[in-house]
Amino acid sequence: MDFNLLPLLPELFLAIVAMGMLMVGAFHGNSITSVVSWFSAGAIIIAFFILLAANWSGVPVLNGMFALTPFAAVVKIFIMLGLVISIALSVRYLAQENLSRFEYPVLVLFAGIGMMLMVSAQSLLALYMALSFSHFPFMYWPRSGALACGHLRQA
Protein backbone atom coordinates (compact mmCIF):
# COMPACT_ATOMS: atom_id res chain seq x y z
CA MET A 1 0.00 0.00 0.00
CA ASP A 2 1.32 3.40 -0.99
CA PHE A 3 1.18 6.06 1.73
CA ASN A 4 3.06 8.79 -0.12
CA LEU A 5 0.78 11.78 0.44
CA LEU A 6 3.23 14.45 -0.72
CA PRO A 7 1.37 15.13 -4.01
CA LEU A 8 -1.75 15.86 -1.93
CA LEU A 9 0.07 18.10 0.55
CA PRO A 10 -1.49 21.38 -0.72
CA GLU A 11 -4.99 19.98 -0.25
CA LEU A 12 -4.15 18.54 3.17
CA PHE A 13 -2.63 21.86 4.26
CA LEU A 14 -5.70 23.80 3.11
CA ALA A 15 -8.04 21.33 4.85
CA ILE A 16 -6.19 21.75 8.14
CA VAL A 17 -6.22 25.54 7.77
CA ALA A 18 -9.94 25.53 6.89
CA MET A 19 -10.80 23.49 9.98
CA GLY A 20 -8.64 25.76 12.13
CA MET A 21 -10.28 28.89 10.70
CA LEU A 22 -13.68 27.34 11.33
CA MET A 23 -12.79 26.89 14.99
CA VAL A 24 -11.35 30.41 15.28
CA GLY A 25 -14.48 31.87 13.73
CA ALA A 26 -16.75 29.81 15.97
CA PHE A 27 -15.00 31.15 19.06
CA HIS A 28 -14.78 34.79 17.97
CA GLY A 29 -17.89 35.22 15.82
CA ASN A 30 -18.40 37.38 12.77
CA SER A 31 -16.23 40.22 14.09
CA ILE A 32 -13.14 38.34 12.90
CA THR A 33 -14.33 37.76 9.32
CA SER A 34 -11.67 40.00 7.80
CA VAL A 35 -8.87 38.21 9.65
CA VAL A 36 -10.20 34.80 8.63
CA SER A 37 -10.48 35.98 5.03
CA TRP A 38 -6.94 37.30 4.77
CA PHE A 39 -5.50 34.33 6.64
CA SER A 40 -7.32 32.00 4.23
CA ALA A 41 -5.91 33.90 1.25
CA GLY A 42 -2.44 33.64 2.79
CA ALA A 43 -2.89 29.91 3.31
CA ILE A 44 -3.79 29.49 -0.35
CA ILE A 45 -0.61 31.33 -1.32
CA ILE A 46 1.42 29.01 0.94
CA ALA A 47 -0.33 26.01 -0.66
CA PHE A 48 0.64 27.46 -4.05
CA PHE A 49 4.32 27.36 -3.09
CA ILE A 50 3.91 23.83 -1.69
CA LEU A 51 2.44 22.82 -5.06
CA LEU A 52 5.35 24.38 -6.92
CA ALA A 53 7.79 22.35 -4.82
CA ALA A 54 5.92 19.07 -5.39
CA ASN A 55 6.84 16.33 -7.85
CA TRP A 56 4.66 16.74 -10.98
CA SER A 57 5.62 13.43 -12.55
CA GLY A 58 2.22 11.77 -12.13
CA VAL A 59 3.11 9.53 -9.18
CA PRO A 60 -0.03 7.67 -8.08
CA VAL A 61 -1.28 8.40 -4.58
CA LEU A 62 -3.52 6.18 -2.42
CA ASN A 63 -3.35 3.17 -4.75
CA GLY A 64 -3.97 5.19 -7.88
CA MET A 65 -6.94 7.23 -6.67
CA PHE A 66 -5.10 10.51 -7.21
CA ALA A 67 -2.08 11.63 -9.24
CA LEU A 68 -0.35 14.97 -9.63
CA THR A 69 0.24 15.24 -13.36
CA PRO A 70 1.61 18.40 -15.02
CA PHE A 71 -1.87 19.19 -16.36
CA ALA A 72 -3.44 18.79 -12.90
CA ALA A 73 -0.75 20.99 -11.35
CA VAL A 74 -1.32 23.81 -13.84
CA VAL A 75 -5.08 23.65 -13.35
CA LYS A 76 -4.57 23.68 -9.57
CA ILE A 77 -2.51 26.85 -9.94
CA PHE A 78 -5.40 28.52 -11.78
CA ILE A 79 -7.87 27.27 -9.15
CA MET A 80 -5.76 28.74 -6.35
CA LEU A 81 -5.41 32.01 -8.23
CA GLY A 82 -9.20 32.19 -8.56
CA LEU A 83 -9.69 31.38 -4.88
CA VAL A 84 -7.34 34.14 -3.74
CA ILE A 85 -8.98 36.67 -6.05
CA SER A 86 -12.50 35.72 -4.96
CA ILE A 87 -11.64 35.97 -1.26
CA ALA A 88 -9.77 39.27 -1.71
CA LEU A 89 -12.60 40.85 -3.70
CA SER A 90 -15.29 39.70 -1.28
CA VAL A 91 -13.85 41.14 1.95
CA ARG A 92 -14.87 44.76 1.36
CA TYR A 93 -18.10 43.87 -0.46
CA LEU A 94 -19.39 41.68 2.35
CA ALA A 95 -18.53 44.37 4.90
CA GLN A 96 -20.33 47.06 2.86
CA GLU A 97 -23.46 44.94 2.52
CA ASN A 98 -23.43 43.90 6.20
CA LEU A 99 -23.05 40.27 5.17
CA SER A 100 -19.74 39.60 6.91
CA ARG A 101 -19.73 36.01 8.08
CA PHE A 102 -16.63 34.08 8.98
CA GLU A 103 -17.97 30.99 7.21
CA TYR A 104 -17.60 32.49 3.72
CA PRO A 105 -13.80 32.19 3.33
CA VAL A 106 -13.87 28.78 5.01
CA LEU A 107 -16.49 27.55 2.55
CA VAL A 108 -14.46 28.98 -0.32
CA LEU A 109 -11.50 26.95 0.95
CA PHE A 110 -13.59 23.77 1.12
CA ALA A 111 -14.91 24.34 -2.40
CA GLY A 112 -11.36 24.94 -3.62
CA ILE A 113 -10.09 21.77 -1.98
CA GLY A 114 -12.85 19.84 -3.72
CA MET A 115 -11.94 21.38 -7.08
CA MET A 116 -8.26 20.58 -6.57
CA LEU A 117 -9.04 16.98 -5.63
CA MET A 118 -11.34 16.67 -8.64
CA VAL A 119 -8.51 17.67 -10.97
CA SER A 120 -6.20 15.03 -9.47
CA ALA A 121 -8.78 12.24 -9.38
CA GLN A 122 -7.81 9.09 -11.27
CA SER A 123 -10.78 6.89 -10.37
CA LEU A 124 -14.52 7.34 -10.23
CA LEU A 125 -14.54 6.86 -6.47
CA ALA A 126 -12.02 9.68 -6.02
CA LEU A 127 -13.99 11.86 -8.41
CA TYR A 128 -17.20 11.23 -6.47
CA MET A 129 -15.47 12.02 -3.17
CA ALA A 130 -14.02 15.24 -4.59
CA LEU A 131 -17.39 16.23 -6.04
CA SER A 132 -19.02 15.66 -2.64
CA PHE A 133 -16.29 17.70 -0.96
CA SER A 134 -16.77 20.50 -3.47
CA HIS A 135 -20.53 20.37 -3.03
CA PHE A 136 -20.33 20.91 0.76
CA PRO A 137 -20.50 24.74 0.64
CA PHE A 138 -23.62 24.64 -1.51
CA MET A 139 -25.37 22.52 1.10
CA TYR A 140 -24.68 25.24 3.65
CA TRP A 141 -25.73 28.37 1.73
CA PRO A 142 -29.54 27.82 1.69
CA ARG A 143 -29.52 27.79 5.49
CA SER A 144 -27.60 31.04 5.83
CA GLY A 145 -30.31 33.63 5.33
CA ALA A 146 -29.53 36.62 3.13
CA LEU A 147 -26.42 35.04 1.65
CA ALA A 148 -28.58 32.45 -0.10
CA CYS A 149 -30.57 35.11 -1.93
CA GLY A 150 -27.68 37.40 -2.77
CA HIS A 151 -27.74 40.84 -1.24
CA LEU A 152 -31.20 41.87 -0.09
CA ARG A 153 -31.50 45.59 0.44
CA GLN A 154 -34.04 47.22 2.65
CA ALA A 155 -35.51 50.12 0.68
C-alpha atoms as a PDB file:
ATOM      1  CA  MET A   1       0.000   0.000   0.000  1.00  0.00           C
ATOM      2  CA  ASP A   2       1.325   3.404  -0.990  1.00  0.00           C
ATOM      3  CA  PHE A   3       1.178   6.061   1.734  1.00  0.00           C
ATOM      4  CA  ASN A   4       3.060   8.788  -0.121  1.00  0.00           C
ATOM      5  CA  LEU A   5       0.783  11.780   0.437  1.00  0.00           C
ATOM      6  CA  LEU A   6       3.230  14.452  -0.718  1.00  0.00           C
ATOM      7  CA  PRO A   7       1.374  15.128  -4.010  1.00  0.00           C
ATOM      8  CA  LEU A   8      -1.746  15.864  -1.934  1.00  0.00           C
ATOM      9  CA  LEU A   9       0.067  18.104   0.548  1.00  0.00           C
ATOM     10  CA  PRO A  10      -1.487  21.385  -0.718  1.00  0.00           C
ATOM     11  CA  GLU A  11      -4.995  19.979  -0.247  1.00  0.00           C
ATOM     12  CA  LEU A  12      -4.152  18.543   3.168  1.00  0.00           C
ATOM     13  CA  PHE A  13      -2.630  21.856   4.261  1.00  0.00           C
ATOM     14  CA  LEU A  14      -5.698  23.795   3.110  1.00  0.00           C
ATOM     15  CA  ALA A  15      -8.035  21.326   4.846  1.00  0.00           C
ATOM     16  CA  ILE A  16      -6.193  21.753   8.142  1.00  0.00           C
ATOM     17  CA  VAL A  17      -6.225  25.544   7.769  1.00  0.00           C
ATOM     18  CA  ALA A  18      -9.942  25.529   6.889  1.00  0.00           C
ATOM     19  CA  MET A  19     -10.801  23.487   9.976  1.00  0.00           C
ATOM     20  CA  GLY A  20      -8.643  25.765  12.128  1.00  0.00           C
ATOM     21  CA  MET A  21     -10.275  28.893  10.701  1.00  0.00           C
ATOM     22  CA  LEU A  22     -13.678  27.344  11.329  1.00  0.00           C
ATOM     23  CA  MET A  23     -12.793  26.891  14.995  1.00  0.00           C
ATOM     24  CA  VAL A  24     -11.353  30.412  15.279  1.00  0.00           C
ATOM     25  CA  GLY A  25     -14.484  31.866  13.725  1.00  0.00           C
ATOM     26  CA  ALA A  26     -16.752  29.810  15.965  1.00  0.00           C
ATOM     27  CA  PHE A  27     -15.001  31.148  19.061  1.00  0.00           C
ATOM     28  CA  HIS A  28     -14.779  34.795  17.967  1.00  0.00           C
ATOM     29  CA  GLY A  29     -17.890  35.220  15.822  1.00  0.00           C
ATOM     30  CA  ASN A  30     -18.399  37.379  12.765  1.00  0.00           C
ATOM     31  CA  SER A  31     -16.230  40.221  14.090  1.00  0.00           C
ATOM     32  CA  ILE A  32     -13.143  38.335  12.904  1.00  0.00           C
ATOM     33  CA  THR A  33     -14.332  37.760   9.323  1.00  0.00           C
ATOM     34  CA  SER A  34     -11.669  40.004   7.797  1.00  0.00           C
ATOM     35  CA  VAL A  35      -8.865  38.213   9.649  1.00  0.00           C
ATOM     36  CA  VAL A  36     -10.195  34.803   8.633  1.00  0.00           C
ATOM     37  CA  SER A  37     -10.484  35.976   5.025  1.00  0.00           C
ATOM     38  CA  TRP A  38      -6.940  37.300   4.768  1.00  0.00           C
ATOM     39  CA  PHE A  39      -5.502  34.329   6.642  1.00  0.00           C
ATOM     40  CA  SER A  40      -7.323  32.002   4.231  1.00  0.00           C
ATOM     41  CA  ALA A  41      -5.913  33.900   1.253  1.00  0.00           C
ATOM     42  CA  GLY A  42      -2.437  33.645   2.786  1.00  0.00           C
ATOM     43  CA  ALA A  43      -2.890  29.914   3.314  1.00  0.00           C
ATOM     44  CA  ILE A  44      -3.794  29.494  -0.351  1.00  0.00           C
ATOM     45  CA  ILE A  45      -0.608  31.333  -1.320  1.00  0.00           C
ATOM     46  CA  ILE A  46       1.418  29.012   0.936  1.00  0.00           C
ATOM     47  CA  ALA A  47      -0.326  26.008  -0.664  1.00  0.00           C
ATOM     48  CA  PHE A  48       0.644  27.461  -4.055  1.00  0.00           C
ATOM     49  CA  PHE A  49       4.320  27.356  -3.086  1.00  0.00           C
ATOM     50  CA  ILE A  50       3.905  23.829  -1.693  1.00  0.00           C
ATOM     51  CA  LEU A  51       2.445  22.822  -5.057  1.00  0.00           C
ATOM     52  CA  LEU A  52       5.351  24.385  -6.921  1.00  0.00           C
ATOM     53  CA  ALA A  53       7.786  22.352  -4.815  1.00  0.00           C
ATOM     54  CA  ALA A  54       5.921  19.067  -5.389  1.00  0.00           C
ATOM     55  CA  ASN A  55       6.844  16.334  -7.854  1.00  0.00           C
ATOM     56  CA  TRP A  56       4.665  16.745 -10.975  1.00  0.00           C
ATOM     57  CA  SER A  57       5.624  13.427 -12.553  1.00  0.00           C
ATOM     58  CA  GLY A  58       2.223  11.775 -12.130  1.00  0.00           C
ATOM     59  CA  VAL A  59       3.113   9.534  -9.183  1.00  0.00           C
ATOM     60  CA  PRO A  60      -0.030   7.672  -8.076  1.00  0.00           C
ATOM     61  CA  VAL A  61      -1.282   8.402  -4.578  1.00  0.00           C
ATOM     62  CA  LEU A  62      -3.523   6.184  -2.422  1.00  0.00           C
ATOM     63  CA  ASN A  63      -3.349   3.171  -4.751  1.00  0.00           C
ATOM     64  CA  GLY A  64      -3.974   5.189  -7.878  1.00  0.00           C
ATOM     65  CA  MET A  65      -6.944   7.228  -6.670  1.00  0.00           C
ATOM     66  CA  PHE A  66      -5.100  10.512  -7.212  1.00  0.00           C
ATOM     67  CA  ALA A  67      -2.085  11.626  -9.237  1.00  0.00           C
ATOM     68  CA  LEU A  68      -0.351  14.967  -9.634  1.00  0.00           C
ATOM     69  CA  THR A  69       0.238  15.241 -13.364  1.00  0.00           C
ATOM     70  CA  PRO A  70       1.606  18.396 -15.016  1.00  0.00           C
ATOM     71  CA  PHE A  71      -1.872  19.190 -16.356  1.00  0.00           C
ATOM     72  CA  ALA A  72      -3.438  18.794 -12.902  1.00  0.00           C
ATOM     73  CA  ALA A  73      -0.754  20.988 -11.348  1.00  0.00           C
ATOM     74  CA  VAL A  74      -1.320  23.807 -13.836  1.00  0.00           C
ATOM     75  CA  VAL A  75      -5.080  23.651 -13.353  1.00  0.00           C
ATOM     76  CA  LYS A  76      -4.575  23.683  -9.566  1.00  0.00           C
ATOM     77  CA  ILE A  77      -2.506  26.850  -9.945  1.00  0.00           C
ATOM     78  CA  PHE A  78      -5.400  28.517 -11.781  1.00  0.00           C
ATOM     79  CA  ILE A  79      -7.867  27.267  -9.153  1.00  0.00           C
ATOM     80  CA  MET A  80      -5.762  28.738  -6.354  1.00  0.00           C
ATOM     81  CA  LEU A  81      -5.415  32.009  -8.228  1.00  0.00           C
ATOM     82  CA  GLY A  82      -9.197  32.186  -8.558  1.00  0.00           C
ATOM     83  CA  LEU A  83      -9.686  31.377  -4.879  1.00  0.00           C
ATOM     84  CA  VAL A  84      -7.335  34.143  -3.737  1.00  0.00           C
ATOM     85  CA  ILE A  85      -8.976  36.671  -6.047  1.00  0.00           C
ATOM     86  CA  SER A  86     -12.499  35.716  -4.957  1.00  0.00           C
ATOM     87  CA  ILE A  87     -11.641  35.974  -1.262  1.00  0.00           C
ATOM     88  CA  ALA A  88      -9.765  39.272  -1.706  1.00  0.00           C
ATOM     89  CA  LEU A  89     -12.598  40.852  -3.696  1.00  0.00           C
ATOM     90  CA  SER A  90     -15.288  39.696  -1.282  1.00  0.00           C
ATOM     91  CA  VAL A  91     -13.853  41.144   1.949  1.00  0.00           C
ATOM     92  CA  ARG A  92     -14.875  44.759   1.362  1.00  0.00           C
ATOM     93  CA  TYR A  93     -18.097  43.872  -0.462  1.00  0.00           C
ATOM     94  CA  LEU A  94     -19.391  41.676   2.353  1.00  0.00           C
ATOM     95  CA  ALA A  95     -18.529  44.375   4.900  1.00  0.00           C
ATOM     96  CA  GLN A  96     -20.334  47.059   2.859  1.00  0.00           C
ATOM     97  CA  GLU A  97     -23.462  44.942   2.521  1.00  0.00           C
ATOM     98  CA  ASN A  98     -23.429  43.899   6.203  1.00  0.00           C
ATOM     99  CA  LEU A  99     -23.055  40.266   5.169  1.00  0.00           C
ATOM    100  CA  SER A 100     -19.744  39.602   6.908  1.00  0.00           C
ATOM    101  CA  ARG A 101     -19.727  36.014   8.081  1.00  0.00           C
ATOM    102  CA  PHE A 102     -16.632  34.082   8.977  1.00  0.00           C
ATOM    103  CA  GLU A 103     -17.971  30.992   7.208  1.00  0.00           C
ATOM    104  CA  TYR A 104     -17.604  32.486   3.724  1.00  0.00           C
ATOM    105  CA  PRO A 105     -13.798  32.194   3.330  1.00  0.00           C
ATOM    106  CA  VAL A 106     -13.868  28.784   5.006  1.00  0.00           C
ATOM    107  CA  LEU A 107     -16.490  27.546   2.555  1.00  0.00           C
ATOM    108  CA  VAL A 108     -14.463  28.978  -0.316  1.00  0.00           C
ATOM    109  CA  LEU A 109     -11.496  26.951   0.955  1.00  0.00           C
ATOM    110  CA  PHE A 110     -13.594  23.773   1.124  1.00  0.00           C
ATOM    111  CA  ALA A 111     -14.907  24.341  -2.397  1.00  0.00           C
ATOM    112  CA  GLY A 112     -11.361  24.940  -3.622  1.00  0.00           C
ATOM    113  CA  ILE A 113     -10.094  21.768  -1.977  1.00  0.00           C
ATOM    114  CA  GLY A 114     -12.853  19.835  -3.721  1.00  0.00           C
ATOM    115  CA  MET A 115     -11.942  21.377  -7.082  1.00  0.00           C
ATOM    116  CA  MET A 116      -8.262  20.575  -6.565  1.00  0.00           C
ATOM    117  CA  LEU A 117      -9.040  16.980  -5.627  1.00  0.00           C
ATOM    118  CA  MET A 118     -11.339  16.668  -8.642  1.00  0.00           C
ATOM    119  CA  VAL A 119      -8.509  17.674 -10.973  1.00  0.00           C
ATOM    120  CA  SER A 120      -6.195  15.032  -9.475  1.00  0.00           C
ATOM    121  CA  ALA A 121      -8.785  12.243  -9.378  1.00  0.00           C
ATOM    122  CA  GLN A 122      -7.809   9.092 -11.269  1.00  0.00           C
ATOM    123  CA  SER A 123     -10.782   6.893 -10.370  1.00  0.00           C
ATOM    124  CA  LEU A 124     -14.523   7.341 -10.235  1.00  0.00           C
ATOM    125  CA  LEU A 125     -14.539   6.864  -6.465  1.00  0.00           C
ATOM    126  CA  ALA A 126     -12.017   9.676  -6.022  1.00  0.00           C
ATOM    127  CA  LEU A 127     -13.987  11.861  -8.414  1.00  0.00           C
ATOM    128  CA  TYR A 128     -17.201  11.232  -6.466  1.00  0.00           C
ATOM    129  CA  MET A 129     -15.466  12.015  -3.171  1.00  0.00           C
ATOM    130  CA  ALA A 130     -14.022  15.245  -4.591  1.00  0.00           C
ATOM    131  CA  LEU A 131     -17.388  16.232  -6.036  1.00  0.00           C
ATOM    132  CA  SER A 132     -19.018  15.655  -2.645  1.00  0.00           C
ATOM    133  CA  PHE A 133     -16.287  17.699  -0.963  1.00  0.00           C
ATOM    134  CA  SER A 134     -16.766  20.498  -3.475  1.00  0.00           C
ATOM    135  CA  HIS A 135     -20.534  20.370  -3.025  1.00  0.00           C
ATOM    136  CA  PHE A 136     -20.332  20.915   0.758  1.00  0.00           C
ATOM    137  CA  PRO A 137     -20.499  24.743   0.638  1.00  0.00           C
ATOM    138  CA  PHE A 138     -23.624  24.639  -1.511  1.00  0.00           C
ATOM    139  CA  MET A 139     -25.369  22.521   1.098  1.00  0.00           C
ATOM    140  CA  TYR A 140     -24.677  25.240   3.652  1.00  0.00           C
ATOM    141  CA  TRP A 141     -25.734  28.370   1.726  1.00  0.00           C
ATOM    142  CA  PRO A 142     -29.536  27.820   1.695  1.00  0.00           C
ATOM    143  CA  ARG A 143     -29.523  27.787   5.490  1.00  0.00           C
ATOM    144  CA  SER A 144     -27.604  31.035   5.830  1.00  0.00           C
ATOM    145  CA  GLY A 145     -30.312  33.628   5.325  1.00  0.00           C
ATOM    146  CA  ALA A 146     -29.527  36.615   3.126  1.00  0.00           C
ATOM    147  CA  LEU A 147     -26.421  35.040   1.649  1.00  0.00           C
ATOM    148  CA  ALA A 148     -28.581  32.447  -0.096  1.00  0.00           C
ATOM    149  CA  CYS A 149     -30.566  35.113  -1.933  1.00  0.00           C
ATOM    150  CA  GLY A 150     -27.683  37.398  -2.775  1.00  0.00           C
ATOM    151  CA  HIS A 151     -27.737  40.837  -1.244  1.00  0.00           C
ATOM    152  CA  LEU A 152     -31.196  41.867  -0.094  1.00  0.00           C
ATOM    153  CA  ARG A 153     -31.495  45.593   0.436  1.00  0.00           C
ATOM    154  CA  GLN A 154     -34.039  47.222   2.653  1.00  0.00           C
ATOM    155  CA  ALA A 155     -35.510  50.123   0.677  1.00  0.00           C
END
